[in-house]
Amino acid sequence: MGTMLIEDVFAAPGGGTAVAGRVVGGPIRLGDTLWLRTGHGHPTGERQHSDSDVLIAVLVVRFLRLCGRQDSPVAPAGENTAIVLGGDYSPPELAGLTLHSSPDGL
């Protein structure tokens, strides 16, 4: 199961929201649906996990690689990467959260 702690959030070149961090435990692929757990509601893609948490489904739209590597369909475990997410998110909502490739792993 791939996970990534969101260390930075920024506007992606060409549009969208990018989140950056190191992939751990398994690859994350282009087109994957990833899951965020928050302690508050969100207007789209939410699913209750516990009394205070909401799971948000986000789509991997593309990758922005560090060190000049771009347009790869996969971010392997151990790699620092930036993932452009489908949807409209603001930096305060995402910084410090963790992306998970499976809602069962949360």
N, C-alpha and C. Protein backbone atom coordinates (compact mmCIF):
# COMPACT_ATOMS: atom_id res chain seq x y z
N MET A 1 0.84 -1.18 0.00
CA MET A 1 0.00 0.00 0.00
C MET A 1 0.89 1.24 0.00
N GLY A 2 0.70 2.11 -0.96
CA GLY A 2 1.47 3.34 -1.03
C GLY A 2 0.88 4.43 -0.16
N THR A 3 1.74 5.16 0.52
CA THR A 3 1.32 6.31 1.30
C THR A 3 2.29 7.46 1.05
N MET A 4 1.84 8.68 1.32
CA MET A 4 2.71 9.84 1.20
C MET A 4 2.25 10.91 2.17
N LEU A 5 3.12 11.32 3.09
CA LEU A 5 2.86 12.45 3.96
C LEU A 5 2.99 13.71 3.11
N ILE A 6 1.97 14.55 3.12
CA ILE A 6 2.00 15.79 2.34
C ILE A 6 2.84 16.81 3.09
N GLU A 7 4.01 17.09 2.53
CA GLU A 7 4.94 18.03 3.14
C GLU A 7 4.78 19.45 2.59
N ASP A 8 4.29 19.57 1.36
CA ASP A 8 4.14 20.88 0.73
C ASP A 8 2.94 20.83 -0.22
N VAL A 9 2.28 21.96 -0.37
CA VAL A 9 1.14 22.10 -1.27
C VAL A 9 1.34 23.38 -2.07
N PHE A 10 1.13 23.30 -3.38
CA PHE A 10 1.34 24.47 -4.22
C PHE A 10 0.52 24.36 -5.50
N ALA A 11 0.38 25.50 -6.18
CA ALA A 11 -0.31 25.51 -7.47
C ALA A 11 0.58 24.84 -8.51
N ALA A 12 0.02 23.87 -9.21
CA ALA A 12 0.80 23.14 -10.22
C ALA A 12 0.92 23.97 -11.49
N PRO A 13 2.08 23.90 -12.15
CA PRO A 13 2.20 24.55 -13.45
C PRO A 13 1.15 23.97 -14.41
N GLY A 14 0.44 24.80 -15.08
CA GLY A 14 -0.61 24.32 -15.98
C GLY A 14 -1.95 24.15 -15.29
N GLY A 15 -2.02 24.41 -14.00
CA GLY A 15 -3.28 24.35 -13.27
C GLY A 15 -3.40 23.17 -12.34
N GLY A 16 -4.23 23.32 -11.34
CA GLY A 16 -4.46 22.27 -10.37
C GLY A 16 -3.65 22.47 -9.10
N THR A 17 -3.87 21.57 -8.16
CA THR A 17 -3.16 21.59 -6.87
C THR A 17 -2.18 20.44 -6.83
N ALA A 18 -0.93 20.74 -6.49
CA ALA A 18 0.10 19.71 -6.35
C ALA A 18 0.45 19.55 -4.88
N VAL A 19 0.67 18.30 -4.48
CA VAL A 19 1.14 17.98 -3.13
C VAL A 19 2.46 17.25 -3.27
N ALA A 20 3.41 17.57 -2.39
CA ALA A 20 4.75 16.98 -2.49
C ALA A 20 5.10 16.23 -1.22
N GLY A 21 5.88 15.15 -1.40
CA GLY A 21 6.35 14.35 -0.28
C GLY A 21 7.06 13.11 -0.78
N ARG A 22 7.39 12.19 0.14
CA ARG A 22 8.07 10.95 -0.20
C ARG A 22 7.08 9.80 -0.17
N VAL A 23 7.07 9.00 -1.24
CA VAL A 23 6.21 7.82 -1.33
C VAL A 23 6.82 6.70 -0.49
N VAL A 24 5.99 6.06 0.33
CA VAL A 24 6.44 5.00 1.23
C VAL A 24 5.54 3.78 1.05
N GLY A 25 6.12 2.58 1.11
CA GLY A 25 5.35 1.35 1.19
C GLY A 25 4.87 0.76 -0.12
N GLY A 26 4.94 1.46 -1.19
CA GLY A 26 4.47 0.92 -2.46
C GLY A 26 4.28 2.04 -3.45
N PRO A 27 4.15 1.71 -4.72
CA PRO A 27 4.05 2.76 -5.74
C PRO A 27 2.68 3.45 -5.74
N ILE A 28 2.68 4.65 -6.27
CA ILE A 28 1.44 5.38 -6.57
C ILE A 28 1.45 5.61 -8.08
N ARG A 29 0.32 5.28 -8.72
CA ARG A 29 0.27 5.32 -10.18
C ARG A 29 -0.67 6.40 -10.69
N LEU A 30 -0.39 6.88 -11.89
CA LEU A 30 -1.25 7.81 -12.58
C LEU A 30 -2.64 7.20 -12.68
N GLY A 31 -3.67 7.96 -12.35
CA GLY A 31 -5.04 7.47 -12.40
C GLY A 31 -5.52 6.82 -11.13
N ASP A 32 -4.62 6.57 -10.16
CA ASP A 32 -5.02 5.98 -8.88
C ASP A 32 -5.98 6.90 -8.14
N THR A 33 -6.90 6.30 -7.41
CA THR A 33 -7.69 7.04 -6.43
C THR A 33 -6.98 6.88 -5.10
N LEU A 34 -6.62 8.00 -4.49
CA LEU A 34 -5.98 8.01 -3.19
C LEU A 34 -6.95 8.56 -2.16
N TRP A 35 -6.66 8.31 -0.90
CA TRP A 35 -7.57 8.69 0.18
C TRP A 35 -6.87 9.59 1.19
N LEU A 36 -7.57 10.65 1.59
CA LEU A 36 -7.14 11.55 2.65
C LEU A 36 -8.11 11.41 3.81
N ARG A 37 -7.60 11.42 5.03
CA ARG A 37 -8.49 11.43 6.19
C ARG A 37 -8.42 12.83 6.82
N THR A 38 -9.57 13.44 7.00
CA THR A 38 -9.62 14.75 7.63
C THR A 38 -10.56 14.70 8.83
N GLY A 39 -10.48 15.69 9.65
CA GLY A 39 -11.37 15.78 10.81
C GLY A 39 -12.55 16.69 10.54
N HIS A 40 -12.80 17.02 9.27
CA HIS A 40 -13.91 17.90 8.93
C HIS A 40 -14.49 17.50 7.58
N GLY A 41 -15.68 17.96 7.28
CA GLY A 41 -16.35 17.62 6.04
C GLY A 41 -15.72 18.29 4.83
N HIS A 42 -16.02 17.79 3.67
CA HIS A 42 -15.53 18.34 2.41
C HIS A 42 -16.66 18.20 1.41
N PRO A 43 -16.81 19.15 0.49
CA PRO A 43 -17.98 19.14 -0.38
C PRO A 43 -18.10 17.97 -1.35
N THR A 44 -17.00 17.30 -1.71
CA THR A 44 -17.12 16.20 -2.68
C THR A 44 -16.28 15.01 -2.26
N GLY A 45 -16.69 13.84 -2.66
CA GLY A 45 -15.90 12.63 -2.49
C GLY A 45 -15.73 12.17 -1.06
N GLU A 46 -16.64 12.52 -0.17
CA GLU A 46 -16.41 12.16 1.22
C GLU A 46 -17.14 10.88 1.63
N ARG A 47 -16.55 10.20 2.62
CA ARG A 47 -17.11 8.98 3.16
C ARG A 47 -16.77 8.94 4.64
N GLN A 48 -17.75 8.72 5.52
CA GLN A 48 -17.48 8.69 6.96
C GLN A 48 -16.58 7.51 7.32
N HIS A 49 -15.58 7.77 8.16
CA HIS A 49 -14.69 6.72 8.64
C HIS A 49 -14.90 6.49 10.14
N SER A 50 -15.02 7.58 10.90
CA SER A 50 -15.34 7.50 12.31
C SER A 50 -16.20 8.72 12.63
N ASP A 51 -16.48 8.94 13.90
CA ASP A 51 -17.35 10.06 14.27
C ASP A 51 -16.81 11.41 13.83
N SER A 52 -15.49 11.60 13.88
CA SER A 52 -14.94 12.92 13.58
C SER A 52 -14.18 12.97 12.25
N ASP A 53 -13.88 11.84 11.64
CA ASP A 53 -13.07 11.81 10.43
C ASP A 53 -13.92 11.65 9.18
N VAL A 54 -13.43 12.21 8.10
CA VAL A 54 -14.04 12.06 6.79
C VAL A 54 -12.94 11.59 5.84
N LEU A 55 -13.24 10.58 5.03
CA LEU A 55 -12.30 10.15 4.00
C LEU A 55 -12.64 10.85 2.70
N ILE A 56 -11.62 11.45 2.09
CA ILE A 56 -11.80 12.16 0.83
C ILE A 56 -11.07 11.40 -0.26
N ALA A 57 -11.79 11.02 -1.31
CA ALA A 57 -11.18 10.36 -2.47
C ALA A 57 -10.63 11.42 -3.40
N VAL A 58 -9.36 11.29 -3.78
CA VAL A 58 -8.73 12.21 -4.72
C VAL A 58 -8.09 11.42 -5.84
N LEU A 59 -8.08 11.97 -7.03
CA LEU A 59 -7.55 11.31 -8.21
C LEU A 59 -6.15 11.83 -8.53
N VAL A 60 -5.21 10.92 -8.86
CA VAL A 60 -3.88 11.31 -9.31
C VAL A 60 -3.99 11.68 -10.79
N VAL A 61 -3.88 12.99 -11.10
CA VAL A 61 -4.03 13.49 -12.46
C VAL A 61 -2.71 13.42 -13.21
N ARG A 62 -1.61 13.80 -12.55
CA ARG A 62 -0.27 13.71 -13.15
C ARG A 62 0.77 13.88 -12.06
N PHE A 63 2.00 13.64 -12.41
CA PHE A 63 3.12 13.79 -11.49
C PHE A 63 4.01 14.94 -11.95
N LEU A 64 4.56 15.65 -10.99
CA LEU A 64 5.62 16.62 -11.24
C LEU A 64 6.83 16.07 -10.51
N ARG A 65 7.82 15.61 -11.21
CA ARG A 65 8.98 14.99 -10.59
C ARG A 65 9.98 16.04 -10.12
N LEU A 66 10.66 15.71 -9.07
CA LEU A 66 11.77 16.52 -8.61
C LEU A 66 12.99 16.15 -9.45
N CYS A 67 13.96 16.99 -9.51
CA CYS A 67 15.20 16.74 -10.26
C CYS A 67 14.95 16.64 -11.77
N GLY A 68 13.92 17.29 -12.28
CA GLY A 68 13.72 17.37 -13.72
C GLY A 68 13.03 16.20 -14.37
N ARG A 69 12.68 15.14 -13.61
CA ARG A 69 11.99 14.00 -14.22
C ARG A 69 10.49 14.24 -14.15
N GLN A 70 9.81 14.15 -15.27
CA GLN A 70 8.38 14.40 -15.33
C GLN A 70 7.69 13.37 -16.22
N ASP A 71 6.38 13.41 -16.18
CA ASP A 71 5.53 12.62 -17.07
C ASP A 71 5.71 11.11 -16.95
N SER A 72 6.09 10.64 -15.79
CA SER A 72 6.15 9.20 -15.55
C SER A 72 4.78 8.73 -15.06
N PRO A 73 4.38 7.51 -15.39
CA PRO A 73 3.07 7.01 -14.95
C PRO A 73 3.08 6.43 -13.53
N VAL A 74 4.24 6.40 -12.87
CA VAL A 74 4.31 5.81 -11.53
C VAL A 74 5.35 6.54 -10.67
N ALA A 75 5.03 6.67 -9.38
CA ALA A 75 5.98 7.18 -8.39
C ALA A 75 6.32 6.01 -7.47
N PRO A 76 7.53 5.44 -7.59
CA PRO A 76 7.87 4.26 -6.79
C PRO A 76 8.14 4.62 -5.33
N ALA A 77 8.07 3.61 -4.47
CA ALA A 77 8.38 3.79 -3.05
C ALA A 77 9.78 4.34 -2.91
N GLY A 78 9.94 5.27 -1.96
CA GLY A 78 11.23 5.87 -1.70
C GLY A 78 11.52 7.12 -2.50
N GLU A 79 10.67 7.45 -3.45
CA GLU A 79 10.90 8.61 -4.30
C GLU A 79 10.18 9.83 -3.77
N ASN A 80 10.86 10.97 -3.82
CA ASN A 80 10.20 12.26 -3.56
C ASN A 80 9.49 12.66 -4.84
N THR A 81 8.24 13.07 -4.71
CA THR A 81 7.48 13.44 -5.89
C THR A 81 6.45 14.50 -5.56
N ALA A 82 5.90 15.09 -6.57
CA ALA A 82 4.75 15.98 -6.43
C ALA A 82 3.63 15.40 -7.28
N ILE A 83 2.46 15.29 -6.69
CA ILE A 83 1.30 14.70 -7.34
C ILE A 83 0.28 15.80 -7.58
N VAL A 84 -0.19 15.93 -8.81
CA VAL A 84 -1.26 16.87 -9.12
C VAL A 84 -2.58 16.13 -8.90
N LEU A 85 -3.42 16.70 -8.04
CA LEU A 85 -4.67 16.06 -7.65
C LEU A 85 -5.84 16.62 -8.44
N GLY A 86 -6.80 15.77 -8.76
CA GLY A 86 -8.05 16.23 -9.33
C GLY A 86 -8.88 16.87 -8.24
N GLY A 87 -9.58 17.94 -8.54
CA GLY A 87 -10.39 18.64 -7.55
C GLY A 87 -9.79 19.99 -7.20
N ASP A 88 -10.49 20.72 -6.35
CA ASP A 88 -10.06 22.06 -5.97
C ASP A 88 -9.78 22.08 -4.47
N TYR A 89 -8.51 22.16 -4.11
CA TYR A 89 -8.10 22.13 -2.71
C TYR A 89 -7.21 23.32 -2.43
N SER A 90 -7.24 23.79 -1.21
CA SER A 90 -6.36 24.89 -0.82
C SER A 90 -5.29 24.37 0.13
N PRO A 91 -4.12 25.00 0.15
CA PRO A 91 -3.01 24.51 0.96
C PRO A 91 -3.34 24.24 2.43
N PRO A 92 -4.09 25.08 3.13
CA PRO A 92 -4.34 24.77 4.54
C PRO A 92 -5.11 23.47 4.74
N GLU A 93 -5.91 23.07 3.76
CA GLU A 93 -6.68 21.84 3.89
C GLU A 93 -5.81 20.59 3.82
N LEU A 94 -4.70 20.63 3.10
CA LEU A 94 -3.95 19.42 2.80
C LEU A 94 -2.62 19.28 3.52
N ALA A 95 -1.98 20.37 3.89
CA ALA A 95 -0.66 20.29 4.52
C ALA A 95 -0.70 19.45 5.79
N GLY A 96 0.22 18.48 5.86
CA GLY A 96 0.32 17.61 7.04
C GLY A 96 -0.55 16.36 6.98
N LEU A 97 -1.44 16.25 6.00
CA LEU A 97 -2.25 15.05 5.87
C LEU A 97 -1.46 13.97 5.13
N THR A 98 -1.97 12.75 5.15
CA THR A 98 -1.32 11.64 4.46
C THR A 98 -2.24 11.08 3.40
N LEU A 99 -1.69 10.86 2.20
CA LEU A 99 -2.41 10.18 1.14
C LEU A 99 -2.21 8.68 1.31
N HIS A 100 -3.27 7.90 1.11
CA HIS A 100 -3.21 6.44 1.21
C HIS A 100 -3.81 5.83 -0.06
N SER A 101 -3.23 4.74 -0.53
CA SER A 101 -3.77 4.09 -1.73
C SER A 101 -4.97 3.21 -1.44
N SER A 102 -5.27 2.98 -0.17
CA SER A 102 -6.43 2.16 0.19
C SER A 102 -7.13 2.78 1.40
N PRO A 103 -8.45 2.92 1.35
CA PRO A 103 -9.16 3.43 2.53
C PRO A 103 -9.10 2.48 3.70
N ASP A 104 -8.85 1.19 3.44
CA ASP A 104 -8.77 0.20 4.51
C ASP A 104 -7.51 0.36 5.34
N GLY A 105 -6.48 1.02 4.78
CA GLY A 105 -5.23 1.20 5.51
C GLY A 105 -5.21 2.40 6.42
N LEU A 106 -6.32 3.13 6.49
CA LEU A 106 -6.36 4.34 7.32
C LEU A 106 -6.65 4.04 8.76
